[in-house]
Amino acid sequence: MKNSIALEYWKHTALNLGQAARDLRYFYYHPDADKIAAEGTLKHYSYSGVRRIRSLGNNIFYSVIPPHWHHSKADLESMMPASAKEWFLHGYAPWSYPDPSKAKK
């Protein structure tokens, strides 16, 4: 099945923007910060912010570059059965919205 490059790009972008939205929502909380300092402390907040800003930059970067630059054809084909909304939600809250490529099979 030949997929539209625009559709692949759109769904991939939705996933990465969902991840970026999660970074913004949990900007002052990152699980790695729990190993550094107690939650609620200035050190925890600052470490979380540093981790989230890196992740946010990474997610925005990967949302704008073409997905075929860093994903296989099989990866992109597995995204096709699900909608862009499902991919966004999976990126935003993967604990609530499981991987749509596995759920649709």
PDB file of N, CA and C in Angstrom:
ATOM      1  N   MET A   1       0.839  -1.185   0.000  1.00  0.00           N
ATOM      2  CA  MET A   1       0.000   0.000   0.000  1.00  0.00           C
ATOM      3  C   MET A   1       0.883   1.247   0.000  1.00  0.00           C
ATOM      4  N   LYS A   2       0.665   2.115  -0.956  1.00  0.00           N
ATOM      5  CA  LYS A   2       1.449   3.342  -1.040  1.00  0.00           C
ATOM      6  C   LYS A   2       0.754   4.435  -0.230  1.00  0.00           C
ATOM      7  N   ASN A   3       1.473   4.984   0.705  1.00  0.00           N
ATOM      8  CA  ASN A   3       0.912   6.023   1.564  1.00  0.00           C
ATOM      9  C   ASN A   3       1.289   7.399   1.039  1.00  0.00           C
ATOM     10  N   SER A   4       0.451   8.341   1.299  1.00  0.00           N
ATOM     11  CA  SER A   4       0.727   9.725   0.961  1.00  0.00           C
ATOM     12  C   SER A   4       1.833  10.242   1.882  1.00  0.00           C
ATOM     13  N   ILE A   5       2.824  10.872   1.300  1.00  0.00           N
ATOM     14  CA  ILE A   5       3.911  11.447   2.100  1.00  0.00           C
ATOM     15  C   ILE A   5       3.343  12.501   3.052  1.00  0.00           C
ATOM     16  N   ALA A   6       2.374  13.267   2.569  1.00  0.00           N
ATOM     17  CA  ALA A   6       1.764  14.303   3.413  1.00  0.00           C
ATOM     18  C   ALA A   6       1.052  13.680   4.616  1.00  0.00           C
ATOM     19  N   LEU A   7       0.375  12.559   4.403  1.00  0.00           N
ATOM     20  CA  LEU A   7      -0.329  11.894   5.503  1.00  0.00           C
ATOM     21  C   LEU A   7       0.667  11.313   6.517  1.00  0.00           C
ATOM     22  N   GLU A   8       1.743  10.712   6.029  1.00  0.00           N
ATOM     23  CA  GLU A   8       2.792  10.208   6.934  1.00  0.00           C
ATOM     24  C   GLU A   8       3.353  11.356   7.765  1.00  0.00           C
ATOM     25  N   TYR A   9       3.652  12.455   7.092  1.00  0.00           N
ATOM     26  CA  TYR A   9       4.214  13.628   7.751  1.00  0.00           C
ATOM     27  C   TYR A   9       3.246  14.149   8.814  1.00  0.00           C
ATOM     28  N   TRP A  10       1.957  14.255   8.456  1.00  0.00           N
ATOM     29  CA  TRP A  10       0.939  14.782   9.364  1.00  0.00           C
ATOM     30  C   TRP A  10       0.821  13.926  10.621  1.00  0.00           C
ATOM     31  N   LYS A  11       0.737  12.616  10.458  1.00  0.00           N
ATOM     32  CA  LYS A  11       0.568  11.731  11.617  1.00  0.00           C
ATOM     33  C   LYS A  11       1.815  11.730  12.496  1.00  0.00           C
ATOM     34  N   HIS A  12       2.970  11.741  11.879  1.00  0.00           N
ATOM     35  CA  HIS A  12       4.226  11.789  12.621  1.00  0.00           C
ATOM     36  C   HIS A  12       4.341  13.110  13.384  1.00  0.00           C
ATOM     37  N   THR A  13       3.962  14.198  12.732  1.00  0.00           N
ATOM     38  CA  THR A  13       3.981  15.505  13.389  1.00  0.00           C
ATOM     39  C   THR A  13       3.022  15.523  14.575  1.00  0.00           C
ATOM     40  N   ALA A  14       1.843  14.937  14.405  1.00  0.00           N
ATOM     41  CA  ALA A  14       0.863  14.879  15.498  1.00  0.00           C
ATOM     42  C   ALA A  14       1.442  14.154  16.711  1.00  0.00           C
ATOM     43  N   LEU A  15       2.120  13.037  16.483  1.00  0.00           N
ATOM     44  CA  LEU A  15       2.742  12.286  17.577  1.00  0.00           C
ATOM     45  C   LEU A  15       3.762  13.150  18.313  1.00  0.00           C
ATOM     46  N   ASN A  16       4.641  13.798  17.563  1.00  0.00           N
ATOM     47  CA  ASN A  16       5.685  14.609  18.187  1.00  0.00           C
ATOM     48  C   ASN A  16       5.131  15.852  18.868  1.00  0.00           C
ATOM     49  N   LEU A  17       4.088  16.448  18.307  1.00  0.00           N
ATOM     50  CA  LEU A  17       3.474  17.597  18.973  1.00  0.00           C
ATOM     51  C   LEU A  17       2.765  17.166  20.256  1.00  0.00           C
ATOM     52  N   GLY A  18       2.220  15.962  20.274  1.00  0.00           N
ATOM     53  CA  GLY A  18       1.649  15.425  21.509  1.00  0.00           C
ATOM     54  C   GLY A  18       2.716  15.276  22.584  1.00  0.00           C
ATOM     55  N   GLN A  19       3.891  14.800  22.179  1.00  0.00           N
ATOM     56  CA  GLN A  19       4.997  14.664  23.131  1.00  0.00           C
ATOM     57  C   GLN A  19       5.459  16.038  23.613  1.00  0.00           C
ATOM     58  N   ALA A  20       5.486  17.018  22.709  1.00  0.00           N
ATOM     59  CA  ALA A  20       5.872  18.380  23.091  1.00  0.00           C
ATOM     60  C   ALA A  20       4.849  18.971  24.070  1.00  0.00           C
ATOM     61  N   ALA A  21       3.567  18.710  23.822  1.00  0.00           N
ATOM     62  CA  ALA A  21       2.523  19.190  24.739  1.00  0.00           C
ATOM     63  C   ALA A  21       2.681  18.561  26.121  1.00  0.00           C
ATOM     64  N   ARG A  22       3.075  17.288  26.158  1.00  0.00           N
ATOM     65  CA  ARG A  22       3.319  16.627  27.448  1.00  0.00           C
ATOM     66  C   ARG A  22       4.491  17.298  28.163  1.00  0.00           C
ATOM     67  N   ASP A  23       5.536  17.653  27.408  1.00  0.00           N
ATOM     68  CA  ASP A  23       6.674  18.348  28.015  1.00  0.00           C
ATOM     69  C   ASP A  23       6.244  19.667  28.646  1.00  0.00           C
ATOM     70  N   LEU A  24       5.342  20.380  27.982  1.00  0.00           N
ATOM     71  CA  LEU A  24       4.860  21.646  28.542  1.00  0.00           C
ATOM     72  C   LEU A  24       3.982  21.420  29.767  1.00  0.00           C
ATOM     73  N   ARG A  25       3.110  20.420  29.691  1.00  0.00           N
ATOM     74  CA  ARG A  25       2.208  20.152  30.815  1.00  0.00           C
ATOM     75  C   ARG A  25       2.988  19.771  32.072  1.00  0.00           C
ATOM     76  N   TYR A  26       4.000  18.951  31.908  1.00  0.00           N
ATOM     77  CA  TYR A  26       4.774  18.458  33.053  1.00  0.00           C
ATOM     78  C   TYR A  26       6.146  19.120  33.129  1.00  0.00           C
ATOM     79  N   PHE A  27       6.215  20.395  32.745  1.00  0.00           N
ATOM     80  CA  PHE A  27       7.500  21.084  32.666  1.00  0.00           C
ATOM     81  C   PHE A  27       8.279  21.018  33.980  1.00  0.00           C
ATOM     82  N   TYR A  28       7.604  21.171  35.091  1.00  0.00           N
ATOM     83  CA  TYR A  28       8.284  21.178  36.392  1.00  0.00           C
ATOM     84  C   TYR A  28       8.301  19.818  37.074  1.00  0.00           C
ATOM     85  N   TYR A  29       7.956  18.773  36.321  1.00  0.00           N
ATOM     86  CA  TYR A  29       8.079  17.426  36.867  1.00  0.00           C
ATOM     87  C   TYR A  29       8.667  16.514  35.798  1.00  0.00           C
ATOM     88  N   HIS A  30       9.751  15.873  36.123  1.00  0.00           N
ATOM     89  CA  HIS A  30      10.353  14.856  35.258  1.00  0.00           C
ATOM     90  C   HIS A  30      10.763  13.708  36.172  1.00  0.00           C
ATOM     91  N   PRO A  31      10.426  12.457  35.798  1.00  0.00           N
ATOM     92  CA  PRO A  31      10.735  11.329  36.687  1.00  0.00           C
ATOM     93  C   PRO A  31      12.221  11.203  37.029  1.00  0.00           C
ATOM     94  N   ASP A  32      13.103  11.614  36.121  1.00  0.00           N
ATOM     95  CA  ASP A  32      14.541  11.535  36.413  1.00  0.00           C
ATOM     96  C   ASP A  32      14.938  12.460  37.561  1.00  0.00           C
ATOM     97  N   ALA A  33      14.184  13.529  37.760  1.00  0.00           N
ATOM     98  CA  ALA A  33      14.506  14.479  38.826  1.00  0.00           C
ATOM     99  C   ALA A  33      14.294  13.875  40.210  1.00  0.00           C
ATOM    100  N   ASP A  34      13.460  12.839  40.299  1.00  0.00           N
ATOM    101  CA  ASP A  34      13.224  12.182  41.592  1.00  0.00           C
ATOM    102  C   ASP A  34      14.507  11.584  42.164  1.00  0.00           C
ATOM    103  N   LYS A  35      15.439  11.222  41.285  1.00  0.00           N
ATOM    104  CA  LYS A  35      16.717  10.642  41.723  1.00  0.00           C
ATOM    105  C   LYS A  35      17.675  11.722  42.224  1.00  0.00           C
ATOM    106  N   ILE A  36      17.404  12.978  41.863  1.00  0.00           N
ATOM    107  CA  ILE A  36      18.302  14.085  42.184  1.00  0.00           C
ATOM    108  C   ILE A  36      17.886  14.818  43.462  1.00  0.00           C
ATOM    109  N   ALA A  37      16.576  15.046  43.598  1.00  0.00           N
ATOM    110  CA  ALA A  37      16.082  15.819  44.745  1.00  0.00           C
ATOM    111  C   ALA A  37      14.625  15.463  45.017  1.00  0.00           C
ATOM    112  N   ALA A  38      14.172  15.803  46.192  1.00  0.00           N
ATOM    113  CA  ALA A  38      12.779  15.540  46.570  1.00  0.00           C
ATOM    114  C   ALA A  38      11.835  16.399  45.734  1.00  0.00           C
ATOM    115  N   GLU A  39      10.710  15.791  45.355  1.00  0.00           N
ATOM    116  CA  GLU A  39       9.714  16.521  44.572  1.00  0.00           C
ATOM    117  C   GLU A  39       9.233  17.741  45.355  1.00  0.00           C
ATOM    118  N   GLY A  40       9.053  18.850  44.650  1.00  0.00           N
ATOM    119  CA  GLY A  40       8.598  20.084  45.278  1.00  0.00           C
ATOM    120  C   GLY A  40       9.722  21.022  45.677  1.00  0.00           C
ATOM    121  N   THR A  41      10.962  20.554  45.583  1.00  0.00           N
ATOM    122  CA  THR A  41      12.092  21.418  45.921  1.00  0.00           C
ATOM    123  C   THR A  41      12.540  22.202  44.688  1.00  0.00           C
ATOM    124  N   LEU A  42      13.243  23.288  44.926  1.00  0.00           N
ATOM    125  CA  LEU A  42      13.758  24.109  43.836  1.00  0.00           C
ATOM    126  C   LEU A  42      14.694  23.298  42.938  1.00  0.00           C
ATOM    127  N   LYS A  43      15.508  22.455  43.544  1.00  0.00           N
ATOM    128  CA  LYS A  43      16.434  21.629  42.767  1.00  0.00           C
ATOM    129  C   LYS A  43      15.662  20.671  41.854  1.00  0.00           C
ATOM    130  N   HIS A  44      14.583  20.090  42.363  1.00  0.00           N
ATOM    131  CA  HIS A  44      13.750  19.184  41.562  1.00  0.00           C
ATOM    132  C   HIS A  44      13.125  19.942  40.396  1.00  0.00           C
ATOM    133  N   TYR A  45      12.568  21.120  40.678  1.00  0.00           N
ATOM    134  CA  TYR A  45      11.949  21.926  39.623  1.00  0.00           C
ATOM    135  C   TYR A  45      12.958  22.324  38.550  1.00  0.00           C
ATOM    136  N   SER A  46      14.124  22.773  38.980  1.00  0.00           N
ATOM    137  CA  SER A  46      15.109  23.235  38.001  1.00  0.00           C
ATOM    138  C   SER A  46      15.649  22.080  37.168  1.00  0.00           C
ATOM    139  N   TYR A  47      15.914  20.949  37.785  1.00  0.00           N
ATOM    140  CA  TYR A  47      16.390  19.789  37.031  1.00  0.00           C
ATOM    141  C   TYR A  47      15.316  19.323  36.054  1.00  0.00           C
ATOM    142  N   SER A  48      14.070  19.295  36.510  1.00  0.00           N
ATOM    143  CA  SER A  48      12.959  18.901  35.638  1.00  0.00           C
ATOM    144  C   SER A  48      12.848  19.846  34.450  1.00  0.00           C
ATOM    145  N   GLY A  49      12.946  21.137  34.711  1.00  0.00           N
ATOM    146  CA  GLY A  49      12.866  22.123  33.632  1.00  0.00           C
ATOM    147  C   GLY A  49      13.949  21.938  32.592  1.00  0.00           C
ATOM    148  N   VAL A  50      15.166  21.669  33.038  1.00  0.00           N
ATOM    149  CA  VAL A  50      16.272  21.428  32.101  1.00  0.00           C
ATOM    150  C   VAL A  50      15.992  20.195  31.251  1.00  0.00           C
ATOM    151  N   ARG A  51      15.547  19.120  31.886  1.00  0.00           N
ATOM    152  CA  ARG A  51      15.234  17.886  31.138  1.00  0.00           C
ATOM    153  C   ARG A  51      14.094  18.119  30.151  1.00  0.00           C
ATOM    154  N   ARG A  52      13.058  18.825  30.594  1.00  0.00           N
ATOM    155  CA  ARG A  52      11.892  19.053  29.732  1.00  0.00           C
ATOM    156  C   ARG A  52      12.220  19.986  28.569  1.00  0.00           C
ATOM    157  N   ILE A  53      13.048  20.995  28.798  1.00  0.00           N
ATOM    158  CA  ILE A  53      13.369  21.918  27.706  1.00  0.00           C
ATOM    159  C   ILE A  53      14.149  21.185  26.616  1.00  0.00           C
ATOM    160  N   ARG A  54      15.023  20.273  27.018  1.00  0.00           N
ATOM    161  CA  ARG A  54      15.749  19.457  26.030  1.00  0.00           C
ATOM    162  C   ARG A  54      14.788  18.565  25.258  1.00  0.00           C
ATOM    163  N   SER A  55      13.894  17.925  25.971  1.00  0.00           N
ATOM    164  CA  SER A  55      12.917  17.042  25.343  1.00  0.00           C
ATOM    165  C   SER A  55      11.975  17.831  24.433  1.00  0.00           C
ATOM    166  N   LEU A  56      11.548  19.000  24.885  1.00  0.00           N
ATOM    167  CA  LEU A  56      10.663  19.849  24.090  1.00  0.00           C
ATOM    168  C   LEU A  56      11.339  20.250  22.778  1.00  0.00           C
ATOM    169  N   GLY A  57      12.582  20.677  22.858  1.00  0.00           N
ATOM    170  CA  GLY A  57      13.325  21.035  21.644  1.00  0.00           C
ATOM    171  C   GLY A  57      13.452  19.860  20.700  1.00  0.00           C
ATOM    172  N   ASN A  58      13.751  18.702  21.246  1.00  0.00           N
ATOM    173  CA  ASN A  58      13.881  17.487  20.450  1.00  0.00           C
ATOM    174  C   ASN A  58      12.554  17.136  19.773  1.00  0.00           C
ATOM    175  N   ASN A  59      11.459  17.198  20.526  1.00  0.00           N
ATOM    176  CA  ASN A  59      10.152  16.852  19.965  1.00  0.00           C
ATOM    177  C   ASN A  59       9.711  17.835  18.890  1.00  0.00           C
ATOM    178  N   ILE A  60       9.988  19.108  19.070  1.00  0.00           N
ATOM    179  CA  ILE A  60       9.647  20.089  18.037  1.00  0.00           C
ATOM    180  C   ILE A  60      10.512  19.866  16.799  1.00  0.00           C
ATOM    181  N   PHE A  61      11.799  19.621  17.002  1.00  0.00           N
ATOM    182  CA  PHE A  61      12.693  19.342  15.871  1.00  0.00           C
ATOM    183  C   PHE A  61      12.179  18.161  15.052  1.00  0.00           C
ATOM    184  N   TYR A  62      11.861  17.054  15.726  1.00  0.00           N
ATOM    185  CA  TYR A  62      11.400  15.863  15.009  1.00  0.00           C
ATOM    186  C   TYR A  62       9.997  16.026  14.435  1.00  0.00           C
ATOM    187  N   SER A  63       9.243  17.004  14.909  1.00  0.00           N
ATOM    188  CA  SER A  63       7.917  17.232  14.326  1.00  0.00           C
ATOM    189  C   SER A  63       8.008  17.972  12.995  1.00  0.00           C
ATOM    190  N   VAL A  64       9.110  18.671  12.750  1.00  0.00           N
ATOM    191  CA  VAL A  64       9.218  19.433  11.499  1.00  0.00           C
ATOM    192  C   VAL A  64      10.075  18.769  10.433  1.00  0.00           C
ATOM    193  N   ILE A  65      10.996  17.892  10.817  1.00  0.00           N
ATOM    194  CA  ILE A  65      11.797  17.242   9.772  1.00  0.00           C
ATOM    195  C   ILE A  65      11.004  16.078   9.175  1.00  0.00           C
ATOM    196  N   PRO A  66      11.261  15.751   7.914  1.00  0.00           N
ATOM    197  CA  PRO A  66      10.521  14.654   7.277  1.00  0.00           C
ATOM    198  C   PRO A  66      10.709  13.336   8.029  1.00  0.00           C
ATOM    199  N   PRO A  67       9.611  12.623   8.287  1.00  0.00           N
ATOM    200  CA  PRO A  67       9.700  11.390   9.075  1.00  0.00           C
ATOM    201  C   PRO A  67      10.523  10.299   8.409  1.00  0.00           C
ATOM    202  N   HIS A  68      10.578  10.292   7.074  1.00  0.00           N
ATOM    203  CA  HIS A  68      11.342   9.234   6.409  1.00  0.00           C
ATOM    204  C   HIS A  68      12.850   9.420   6.566  1.00  0.00           C
ATOM    205  N   TRP A  69      13.278  10.542   7.133  1.00  0.00           N
ATOM    206  CA  TRP A  69      14.701  10.740   7.414  1.00  0.00           C
ATOM    207  C   TRP A  69      15.168   9.893   8.597  1.00  0.00           C
ATOM    208  N   HIS A  70      14.257   9.534   9.492  1.00  0.00           N
ATOM    209  CA  HIS A  70      14.679   8.807  10.692  1.00  0.00           C
ATOM    210  C   HIS A  70      13.763   7.641  11.063  1.00  0.00           C
ATOM    211  N   HIS A  71      12.829   7.287  10.182  1.00  0.00           N
ATOM    212  CA  HIS A  71      11.967   6.120  10.399  1.00  0.00           C
ATOM    213  C   HIS A  71      11.984   5.233   9.166  1.00  0.00           C
ATOM    214  N   SER A  72      11.823   3.951   9.388  1.00  0.00           N
ATOM    215  CA  SER A  72      11.756   3.008   8.265  1.00  0.00           C
ATOM    216  C   SER A  72      10.387   3.091   7.599  1.00  0.00           C
ATOM    217  N   LYS A  73      10.313   2.536   6.419  1.00  0.00           N
ATOM    218  CA  LYS A  73       9.041   2.477   5.697  1.00  0.00           C
ATOM    219  C   LYS A  73       8.005   1.705   6.528  1.00  0.00           C
ATOM    220  N   ALA A  74       8.448   0.627   7.167  1.00  0.00           N
ATOM    221  CA  ALA A  74       7.544  -0.175   8.009  1.00  0.00           C
ATOM    222  C   ALA A  74       7.019   0.640   9.193  1.00  0.00           C
ATOM    223  N   ASP A  75       7.883   1.451   9.809  1.00  0.00           N
ATOM    224  CA  ASP A  75       7.444   2.312  10.918  1.00  0.00           C
ATOM    225  C   ASP A  75       6.322   3.237  10.466  1.00  0.00           C
ATOM    226  N   LEU A  76       6.527   3.867   9.326  1.00  0.00           N
ATOM    227  CA  LEU A  76       5.546   4.831   8.828  1.00  0.00           C
ATOM    228  C   LEU A  76       4.258   4.142   8.391  1.00  0.00           C
ATOM    229  N   GLU A  77       4.376   2.971   7.803  1.00  0.00           N
ATOM    230  CA  GLU A  77       3.179   2.226   7.401  1.00  0.00           C
ATOM    231  C   GLU A  77       2.357   1.804   8.618  1.00  0.00           C
ATOM    232  N   SER A  78       3.030   1.527   9.724  1.00  0.00           N
ATOM    233  CA  SER A  78       2.298   1.112  10.930  1.00  0.00           C
ATOM    234  C   SER A  78       1.471   2.260  11.516  1.00  0.00           C
ATOM    235  N   MET A  79       1.779   3.488  11.120  1.00  0.00           N
ATOM    236  CA  MET A  79       1.030   4.646  11.622  1.00  0.00           C
ATOM    237  C   MET A  79      -0.271   4.891  10.858  1.00  0.00           C
ATOM    238  N   MET A  80      -0.403   4.294   9.684  1.00  0.00           N
ATOM    239  CA  MET A  80      -1.517   4.616   8.794  1.00  0.00           C
ATOM    240  C   MET A  80      -2.908   4.237   9.308  1.00  0.00           C
ATOM    241  N   PRO A  81      -3.110   3.100   9.965  1.00  0.00           N
ATOM    242  CA  PRO A  81      -4.479   2.754  10.381  1.00  0.00           C
ATOM    243  C   PRO A  81      -5.094   3.720  11.405  1.00  0.00           C
ATOM    244  N   ALA A  82      -4.275   4.393  12.186  1.00  0.00           N
ATOM    245  CA  ALA A  82      -4.783   5.287  13.233  1.00  0.00           C
ATOM    246  C   ALA A  82      -4.837   6.728  12.728  1.00  0.00           C
ATOM    247  N   SER A  83      -5.687   7.520  13.355  1.00  0.00           N
ATOM    248  CA  SER A  83      -5.828   8.927  12.971  1.00  0.00           C
ATOM    249  C   SER A  83      -4.717   9.774  13.597  1.00  0.00           C
ATOM    250  N   ALA A  84      -4.556  10.977  13.073  1.00  0.00           N
ATOM    251  CA  ALA A  84      -3.587  11.912  13.643  1.00  0.00           C
ATOM    252  C   ALA A  84      -3.962  12.251  15.090  1.00  0.00           C
ATOM    253  N   LYS A  85      -5.257  12.333  15.377  1.00  0.00           N
ATOM    254  CA  LYS A  85      -5.702  12.610  16.753  1.00  0.00           C
ATOM    255  C   LYS A  85      -5.245  11.505  17.702  1.00  0.00           C
ATOM    256  N   GLU A  86      -5.380  10.247  17.263  1.00  0.00           N
ATOM    257  CA  GLU A  86      -4.938   9.130  18.108  1.00  0.00           C
ATOM    258  C   GLU A  86      -3.437   9.199  18.352  1.00  0.00           C
ATOM    259  N   TRP A  87      -2.672   9.589  17.336  1.00  0.00           N
ATOM    260  CA  TRP A  87      -1.219   9.704  17.502  1.00  0.00           C
ATOM    261  C   TRP A  87      -0.867  10.851  18.443  1.00  0.00           C
ATOM    262  N   PHE A  88      -1.585  11.968  18.325  1.00  0.00           N
ATOM    263  CA  PHE A  88      -1.347  13.088  19.234  1.00  0.00           C
ATOM    264  C   PHE A  88      -1.599  12.660  20.681  1.00  0.00           C
ATOM    265  N   LEU A  89      -2.733  12.007  20.900  1.00  0.00           N
ATOM    266  CA  LEU A  89      -3.082  11.575  22.259  1.00  0.00           C
ATOM    267  C   LEU A  89      -2.075  10.566  22.803  1.00  0.00           C
ATOM    268  N   HIS A  90      -1.583   9.677  21.952  1.00  0.00           N
ATOM    269  CA  HIS A  90      -0.566   8.711  22.392  1.00  0.00           C
ATOM    270  C   HIS A  90       0.719   9.441  22.789  1.00  0.00           C
ATOM    271  N   GLY A  91       1.094  10.453  22.028  1.00  0.00           N
ATOM    272  CA  GLY A  91       2.275  11.237  22.379  1.00  0.00           C
ATOM    273  C   GLY A  91       2.090  12.011  23.670  1.00  0.00           C
ATOM    274  N   TYR A  92       0.880  12.519  23.876  1.00  0.00           N
ATOM    275  CA  TYR A  92       0.588  13.346  25.047  1.00  0.00           C
ATOM    276  C   TYR A  92       0.462  12.522  26.325  1.00  0.00           C
ATOM    277  N   ALA A  93      -0.223  11.405  26.245  1.00  0.00           N
ATOM    278  CA  ALA A  93      -0.465  10.582  27.443  1.00  0.00           C
ATOM    279  C   ALA A  93      -0.412   9.101  27.078  1.00  0.00           C
ATOM    280  N   PRO A  94       0.794   8.559  26.844  1.00  0.00           N
ATOM    281  CA  PRO A  94       0.900   7.155  26.416  1.00  0.00           C
ATOM    282  C   PRO A  94       0.372   6.161  27.443  1.00  0.00           C
ATOM    283  N   TRP A  95       0.312   6.552  28.707  1.00  0.00           N
ATOM    284  CA  TRP A  95      -0.222   5.662  29.742  1.00  0.00           C
ATOM    285  C   TRP A  95      -1.745   5.540  29.624  1.00  0.00           C
ATOM    286  N   SER A  96      -2.401   6.508  28.998  1.00  0.00           N
ATOM    287  CA  SER A  96      -3.857   6.466  28.816  1.00  0.00           C
ATOM    288  C   SER A  96      -4.278   6.047  27.413  1.00  0.00           C
ATOM    289  N   TYR A  97      -3.402   6.305  26.438  1.00  0.00           N
ATOM    290  CA  TYR A  97      -3.702   6.002  25.036  1.00  0.00           C
ATOM    291  C   TYR A  97      -2.586   5.119  24.492  1.00  0.00           C
ATOM    292  N   PRO A  98      -2.798   3.808  24.473  1.00  0.00           N
ATOM    293  CA  PRO A  98      -1.736   2.902  24.032  1.00  0.00           C
ATOM    294  C   PRO A  98      -1.356   3.123  22.567  1.00  0.00           C
ATOM    295  N   ASP A  99      -0.242   2.571  22.186  1.00  0.00           N
ATOM    296  CA  ASP A  99       0.283   2.701  20.824  1.00  0.00           C
ATOM    297  C   ASP A  99      -0.793   2.314  19.810  1.00  0.00           C
ATOM    298  N   PRO A 100      -1.286   3.272  19.025  1.00  0.00           N
ATOM    299  CA  PRO A 100      -2.357   2.977  18.074  1.00  0.00           C
ATOM    300  C   PRO A 100      -1.963   1.977  16.993  1.00  0.00           C
ATOM    301  N   SER A 101      -0.688   1.877  16.681  1.00  0.00           N
ATOM    302  CA  SER A 101      -0.271   0.924  15.642  1.00  0.00           C
ATOM    303  C   SER A 101      -0.455  -0.511  16.118  1.00  0.00           C
ATOM    304  N   LYS A 102      -0.371  -0.732  17.412  1.00  0.00           N
ATOM    305  CA  LYS A 102      -0.569  -2.076  17.961  1.00  0.00           C
ATOM    306  C   LYS A 102      -2.054  -2.351  18.213  1.00  0.00           C
ATOM    307  N   ALA A 103      -2.796  -1.338  18.591  1.00  0.00           N
ATOM    308  CA  ALA A 103      -4.219  -1.503  18.903  1.00  0.00           C
ATOM    309  C   ALA A 103      -5.065  -1.743  17.658  1.00  0.00           C
ATOM    310  N   LYS A 104      -4.616  -1.261  16.500  1.00  0.00           N
ATOM    311  CA  LYS A 104      -5.419  -1.343  15.281  1.00  0.00           C
ATOM    312  C   LYS A 104      -5.207  -2.632  14.503  1.00  0.00           C
ATOM    313  N   LYS A 105      -4.258  -3.461  14.914  1.00  0.00           N
ATOM    314  CA  LYS A 105      -3.956  -4.682  14.146  1.00  0.00           C
ATOM    315  C   LYS A 105      -4.985  -5.740  14.349  1.00  0.00           C
TER     316      LYS A 105
END
